[in-house]
Amino acid sequence: MSQQLVSDPSGKPTSYSRVTLSRIMTAVDVNLYGTVHGGVLMKFVDDVAGAAAARHTGGTAVTAAIDEIIFSEPVRVGDLVHAHAQINWTGYTSMEVGVKVLAERWDTAGEEPVRVATAYLVFVGVDASGGPRAVRPVLPETPEDERRYREAEIRREHRLAKRKAIQAHRGGQRDSASG
């Protein structure tokens, strides 16, 4: 049975999808090195990206891929961490969400927040039965939004080319990971 996707012709500006989540990091977030565990930050990134995707689509959207996550500075217990997300690009059923994570150091109040991570995630809009559904277009508003849109297209092209190259390489070969 084929599912017909109906597109919402009314796009939304980039600013519509912007979401910020903030939290103070505590001792339960710490790894063996005394800094916040990368997995805690990854979940925080996924949470804020999911909120931006849901806001943009007006419904359910699920994580399909994490294209990239870069941890640039450690996060410490007591830091107030802010994760900022927005839709960078939309396709027919998928979208890229960009996330920037900043930390306000607990021991240096009043200084500028430090960028501690950036990430790009791919989300897919889904309907009530879990199948893909069309997402409305994102409408870049500023030159920065347009730059992010173009760079998201480049990341998408690279992701699809990599998948195609791997599938071609595996052609006829048994995948050792699956058995």
C-alpha atoms as a PDB file:
ATOM      1  CA  MET A   1       0.000   0.000   0.000  1.00  0.00           C
ATOM      2  CA  SER A   2       1.519   3.314  -0.967  1.00  0.00           C
ATOM      3  CA  GLN A   3       1.097   6.268   1.279  1.00  0.00           C
ATOM      4  CA  GLN A   4       0.356   9.615  -0.294  1.00  0.00           C
ATOM      5  CA  LEU A   5       2.137  12.517   1.326  1.00  0.00           C
ATOM      6  CA  VAL A   6       0.388  15.850   1.317  1.00  0.00           C
ATOM      7  CA  SER A   7       2.635  18.880   1.456  1.00  0.00           C
ATOM      8  CA  ASP A   8       1.806  21.936   3.536  1.00  0.00           C
ATOM      9  CA  PRO A   9       2.405  24.774   1.056  1.00  0.00           C
ATOM     10  CA  SER A  10       2.852  27.396   3.775  1.00  0.00           C
ATOM     11  CA  GLY A  11       6.470  27.589   4.801  1.00  0.00           C
ATOM     12  CA  LYS A  12       7.705  28.971   8.107  1.00  0.00           C
ATOM     13  CA  PRO A  13      10.578  31.399   8.640  1.00  0.00           C
ATOM     14  CA  THR A  14      13.740  30.145  10.282  1.00  0.00           C
ATOM     15  CA  SER A  15      12.989  32.154  13.417  1.00  0.00           C
ATOM     16  CA  TYR A  16       9.753  30.203  13.954  1.00  0.00           C
ATOM     17  CA  SER A  17      11.680  27.014  14.750  1.00  0.00           C
ATOM     18  CA  ARG A  18      14.257  28.499  17.098  1.00  0.00           C
ATOM     19  CA  VAL A  19      14.303  26.857  20.527  1.00  0.00           C
ATOM     20  CA  THR A  20      16.605  27.225  23.525  1.00  0.00           C
ATOM     21  CA  LEU A  21      16.812  24.765  26.409  1.00  0.00           C
ATOM     22  CA  SER A  22      18.930  25.498  29.473  1.00  0.00           C
ATOM     23  CA  ARG A  23      20.037  23.473  32.463  1.00  0.00           C
ATOM     24  CA  ILE A  24      22.620  23.451  35.202  1.00  0.00           C
ATOM     25  CA  MET A  25      24.967  20.480  35.030  1.00  0.00           C
ATOM     26  CA  THR A  26      25.198  18.455  38.244  1.00  0.00           C
ATOM     27  CA  ALA A  27      27.316  15.691  39.751  1.00  0.00           C
ATOM     28  CA  VAL A  28      25.106  12.989  38.190  1.00  0.00           C
ATOM     29  CA  ASP A  29      26.209  14.245  34.726  1.00  0.00           C
ATOM     30  CA  VAL A  30      29.933  13.682  35.346  1.00  0.00           C
ATOM     31  CA  ASN A  31      32.239  11.160  33.665  1.00  0.00           C
ATOM     32  CA  LEU A  32      35.386   9.583  35.114  1.00  0.00           C
ATOM     33  CA  TYR A  33      37.413  12.695  34.251  1.00  0.00           C
ATOM     34  CA  GLY A  34      35.250  15.010  36.341  1.00  0.00           C
ATOM     35  CA  THR A  35      33.630  16.773  33.392  1.00  0.00           C
ATOM     36  CA  VAL A  36      30.154  16.352  31.976  1.00  0.00           C
ATOM     37  CA  HIS A  37      29.754  13.123  30.022  1.00  0.00           C
ATOM     38  CA  GLY A  38      29.478  13.547  26.245  1.00  0.00           C
ATOM     39  CA  GLY A  39      26.393  11.327  26.229  1.00  0.00           C
ATOM     40  CA  VAL A  40      24.599  13.756  28.554  1.00  0.00           C
ATOM     41  CA  LEU A  41      25.330  16.573  26.114  1.00  0.00           C
ATOM     42  CA  MET A  42      24.274  14.400  23.168  1.00  0.00           C
ATOM     43  CA  LYS A  43      20.885  13.755  24.770  1.00  0.00           C
ATOM     44  CA  PHE A  44      20.519  17.470  25.514  1.00  0.00           C
ATOM     45  CA  VAL A  45      21.346  18.236  21.860  1.00  0.00           C
ATOM     46  CA  ASP A  46      18.788  15.666  20.663  1.00  0.00           C
ATOM     47  CA  ASP A  47      16.142  17.085  23.020  1.00  0.00           C
ATOM     48  CA  VAL A  48      16.513  20.669  21.797  1.00  0.00           C
ATOM     49  CA  ALA A  49      16.725  19.562  18.152  1.00  0.00           C
ATOM     50  CA  GLY A  50      13.558  17.500  18.591  1.00  0.00           C
ATOM     51  CA  ALA A  51      11.755  20.501  20.072  1.00  0.00           C
ATOM     52  CA  ALA A  52      12.781  22.672  17.097  1.00  0.00           C
ATOM     53  CA  ALA A  53      11.727  19.954  14.617  1.00  0.00           C
ATOM     54  CA  ALA A  54       8.352  19.472  16.314  1.00  0.00           C
ATOM     55  CA  ARG A  55       7.753  23.222  16.404  1.00  0.00           C
ATOM     56  CA  HIS A  56       8.594  23.588  12.714  1.00  0.00           C
ATOM     57  CA  THR A  57       6.522  20.619  11.555  1.00  0.00           C
ATOM     58  CA  GLY A  58       3.612  21.233  13.870  1.00  0.00           C
ATOM     59  CA  GLY A  59       3.673  17.568  14.857  1.00  0.00           C
ATOM     60  CA  THR A  60       5.837  14.565  15.489  1.00  0.00           C
ATOM     61  CA  ALA A  61       9.360  14.400  14.104  1.00  0.00           C
ATOM     62  CA  VAL A  62      11.963  11.760  14.924  1.00  0.00           C
ATOM     63  CA  THR A  63      15.749  11.694  14.836  1.00  0.00           C
ATOM     64  CA  ALA A  64      16.958   9.953  11.688  1.00  0.00           C
ATOM     65  CA  ALA A  65      20.675  10.741  11.932  1.00  0.00           C
ATOM     66  CA  ILE A  66      23.249  12.777  13.748  1.00  0.00           C
ATOM     67  CA  ASP A  67      25.397  14.091  10.951  1.00  0.00           C
ATOM     68  CA  GLU A  68      28.028  15.600  13.176  1.00  0.00           C
ATOM     69  CA  ILE A  69      28.666  16.591  16.756  1.00  0.00           C
ATOM     70  CA  ILE A  70      31.780  18.426  17.829  1.00  0.00           C
ATOM     71  CA  PHE A  71      32.739  18.913  21.461  1.00  0.00           C
ATOM     72  CA  SER A  72      35.021  21.946  21.529  1.00  0.00           C
ATOM     73  CA  GLU A  73      35.346  22.610  25.284  1.00  0.00           C
ATOM     74  CA  PRO A  74      34.648  20.539  28.395  1.00  0.00           C
ATOM     75  CA  VAL A  75      31.549  21.257  30.471  1.00  0.00           C
ATOM     76  CA  ARG A  76      31.872  21.202  34.234  1.00  0.00           C
ATOM     77  CA  VAL A  77      29.546  20.609  37.147  1.00  0.00           C
ATOM     78  CA  GLY A  78      27.765  23.861  37.974  1.00  0.00           C
ATOM     79  CA  ASP A  79      27.939  25.271  34.453  1.00  0.00           C
ATOM     80  CA  LEU A  80      24.674  26.695  33.132  1.00  0.00           C
ATOM     81  CA  VAL A  81      24.384  25.177  29.660  1.00  0.00           C
ATOM     82  CA  HIS A  82      22.202  26.585  26.877  1.00  0.00           C
ATOM     83  CA  ALA A  83      21.397  24.572  23.746  1.00  0.00           C
ATOM     84  CA  HIS A  84      20.100  26.644  20.814  1.00  0.00           C
ATOM     85  CA  ALA A  85      18.472  24.893  17.835  1.00  0.00           C
ATOM     86  CA  GLN A  86      16.900  25.914  14.553  1.00  0.00           C
ATOM     87  CA  ILE A  87      15.846  24.311  11.300  1.00  0.00           C
ATOM     88  CA  ASN A  88      18.573  24.907   8.717  1.00  0.00           C
ATOM     89  CA  TRP A  89      17.069  23.082   5.733  1.00  0.00           C
ATOM     90  CA  THR A  90      13.976  21.132   4.748  1.00  0.00           C
ATOM     91  CA  GLY A  91      13.342  18.503   2.135  1.00  0.00           C
ATOM     92  CA  TYR A  92      10.062  16.745   1.459  1.00  0.00           C
ATOM     93  CA  THR A  93       9.879  14.688   4.672  1.00  0.00           C
ATOM     94  CA  SER A  94      13.226  15.457   6.303  1.00  0.00           C
ATOM     95  CA  MET A  95      14.962  18.463   7.773  1.00  0.00           C
ATOM     96  CA  GLU A  96      18.341  19.402   9.180  1.00  0.00           C
ATOM     97  CA  VAL A  97      18.470  20.929  12.646  1.00  0.00           C
ATOM     98  CA  GLY A  98      21.538  22.898  13.686  1.00  0.00           C
ATOM     99  CA  VAL A  99      22.424  23.058  17.380  1.00  0.00           C
ATOM    100  CA  LYS A 100      24.870  25.319  19.196  1.00  0.00           C
ATOM    101  CA  VAL A 101      25.674  24.603  22.861  1.00  0.00           C
ATOM    102  CA  LEU A 102      27.045  27.352  25.115  1.00  0.00           C
ATOM    103  CA  ALA A 103      28.149  27.168  28.744  1.00  0.00           C
ATOM    104  CA  GLU A 104      28.132  29.902  31.336  1.00  0.00           C
ATOM    105  CA  ARG A 105      30.927  28.960  33.723  1.00  0.00           C
ATOM    106  CA  TRP A 106      29.757  28.871  37.314  1.00  0.00           C
ATOM    107  CA  ASP A 107      33.019  30.319  38.599  1.00  0.00           C
ATOM    108  CA  THR A 108      33.320  33.216  36.121  1.00  0.00           C
ATOM    109  CA  ALA A 109      29.948  34.930  36.307  1.00  0.00           C
ATOM    110  CA  GLY A 110      29.517  37.857  33.972  1.00  0.00           C
ATOM    111  CA  GLU A 111      31.865  36.574  31.270  1.00  0.00           C
ATOM    112  CA  GLU A 112      30.667  35.621  27.806  1.00  0.00           C
ATOM    113  CA  PRO A 113      29.358  32.045  27.484  1.00  0.00           C
ATOM    114  CA  VAL A 114      31.798  29.552  25.949  1.00  0.00           C
ATOM    115  CA  ARG A 115      30.817  27.498  22.898  1.00  0.00           C
ATOM    116  CA  VAL A 116      31.180  23.901  24.019  1.00  0.00           C
ATOM    117  CA  ALA A 117      29.550  21.945  21.168  1.00  0.00           C
ATOM    118  CA  THR A 118      27.898  22.159  17.764  1.00  0.00           C
ATOM    119  CA  ALA A 119      25.825  19.522  16.033  1.00  0.00           C
ATOM    120  CA  TYR A 120      23.768  18.814  12.931  1.00  0.00           C
ATOM    121  CA  LEU A 121      20.904  16.341  13.129  1.00  0.00           C
ATOM    122  CA  VAL A 122      18.480  15.010  10.535  1.00  0.00           C
ATOM    123  CA  PHE A 123      14.839  14.636  11.562  1.00  0.00           C
ATOM    124  CA  VAL A 124      11.917  13.142   9.649  1.00  0.00           C
ATOM    125  CA  GLY A 125       8.318  14.193  10.092  1.00  0.00           C
ATOM    126  CA  VAL A 126       6.103  11.212  10.918  1.00  0.00           C
ATOM    127  CA  ASP A 127       2.344  10.679  10.937  1.00  0.00           C
ATOM    128  CA  ALA A 128       0.213   8.908  13.564  1.00  0.00           C
ATOM    129  CA  SER A 129       1.109   5.468  12.176  1.00  0.00           C
ATOM    130  CA  GLY A 130       4.850   6.208  12.184  1.00  0.00           C
ATOM    131  CA  GLY A 131       5.172   6.696   8.421  1.00  0.00           C
ATOM    132  CA  PRO A 132       6.954   9.670   6.873  1.00  0.00           C
ATOM    133  CA  ARG A 133       4.926  12.786   6.251  1.00  0.00           C
ATOM    134  CA  ALA A 134       5.657  15.948   4.346  1.00  0.00           C
ATOM    135  CA  VAL A 135       7.140  18.867   6.254  1.00  0.00           C
ATOM    136  CA  ARG A 136       6.576  22.501   5.416  1.00  0.00           C
ATOM    137  CA  PRO A 137       9.504  24.384   3.894  1.00  0.00           C
ATOM    138  CA  VAL A 138      11.790  26.539   5.993  1.00  0.00           C
ATOM    139  CA  LEU A 139      12.153  30.108   4.754  1.00  0.00           C
ATOM    140  CA  PRO A 140      15.605  31.574   5.491  1.00  0.00           C
ATOM    141  CA  GLU A 141      15.334  35.166   6.699  1.00  0.00           C
ATOM    142  CA  THR A 142      18.904  36.448   6.971  1.00  0.00           C
ATOM    143  CA  PRO A 143      22.176  35.983   5.069  1.00  0.00           C
ATOM    144  CA  GLU A 144      23.282  33.748   7.982  1.00  0.00           C
ATOM    145  CA  ASP A 145      20.148  31.596   7.567  1.00  0.00           C
ATOM    146  CA  GLU A 146      20.814  31.346   3.824  1.00  0.00           C
ATOM    147  CA  ARG A 147      24.428  30.305   4.468  1.00  0.00           C
ATOM    148  CA  ARG A 148      23.235  27.619   6.903  1.00  0.00           C
ATOM    149  CA  TYR A 149      20.674  26.410   4.330  1.00  0.00           C
ATOM    150  CA  ARG A 150      23.351  26.064   1.594  1.00  0.00           C
ATOM    151  CA  GLU A 151      25.766  24.292   3.959  1.00  0.00           C
ATOM    152  CA  ALA A 152      22.990  21.899   5.014  1.00  0.00           C
ATOM    153  CA  GLU A 153      22.482  21.008   1.349  1.00  0.00           C
ATOM    154  CA  ILE A 154      26.210  20.226   1.072  1.00  0.00           C
ATOM    155  CA  ARG A 155      26.051  17.989   4.157  1.00  0.00           C
ATOM    156  CA  ARG A 156      23.009  16.198   2.696  1.00  0.00           C
ATOM    157  CA  GLU A 157      24.791  15.622  -0.637  1.00  0.00           C
ATOM    158  CA  HIS A 158      27.817  14.203   1.209  1.00  0.00           C
ATOM    159  CA  ARG A 159      25.642  11.986   3.428  1.00  0.00           C
ATOM    160  CA  LEU A 160      23.808  10.544   0.405  1.00  0.00           C
ATOM    161  CA  ALA A 161      27.023  10.099  -1.608  1.00  0.00           C
ATOM    162  CA  LYS A 162      28.689   8.309   1.315  1.00  0.00           C
ATOM    163  CA  ARG A 163      25.700   5.975   1.711  1.00  0.00           C
ATOM    164  CA  LYS A 164      25.728   5.225  -2.026  1.00  0.00           C
ATOM    165  CA  ALA A 165      29.494   4.561  -2.052  1.00  0.00           C
ATOM    166  CA  ILE A 166      29.247   2.200   0.931  1.00  0.00           C
ATOM    167  CA  GLN A 167      26.348   0.321  -0.658  1.00  0.00           C
ATOM    168  CA  ALA A 168      28.316   0.017  -3.909  1.00  0.00           C
ATOM    169  CA  HIS A 169      31.360  -1.241  -1.997  1.00  0.00           C
ATOM    170  CA  ARG A 170      29.245  -3.842  -0.206  1.00  0.00           C
ATOM    171  CA  GLY A 171      27.603  -4.996  -3.422  1.00  0.00           C
ATOM    172  CA  GLY A 172      27.824  -8.779  -3.490  1.00  0.00           C
ATOM    173  CA  GLN A 173      29.894  -8.922  -0.293  1.00  0.00           C
ATOM    174  CA  ARG A 174      28.574 -10.451   2.876  1.00  0.00           C
ATOM    175  CA  ASP A 175      28.243  -7.875   5.652  1.00  0.00           C
ATOM    176  CA  SER A 176      30.251  -9.262   8.585  1.00  0.00           C
ATOM    177  CA  ALA A 177      28.309  -7.112  11.079  1.00  0.00           C
ATOM    178  CA  SER A 178      25.014  -8.793  10.169  1.00  0.00           C
ATOM    179  CA  GLY A 179      26.138 -12.303  10.317  1.00  0.00           C
END
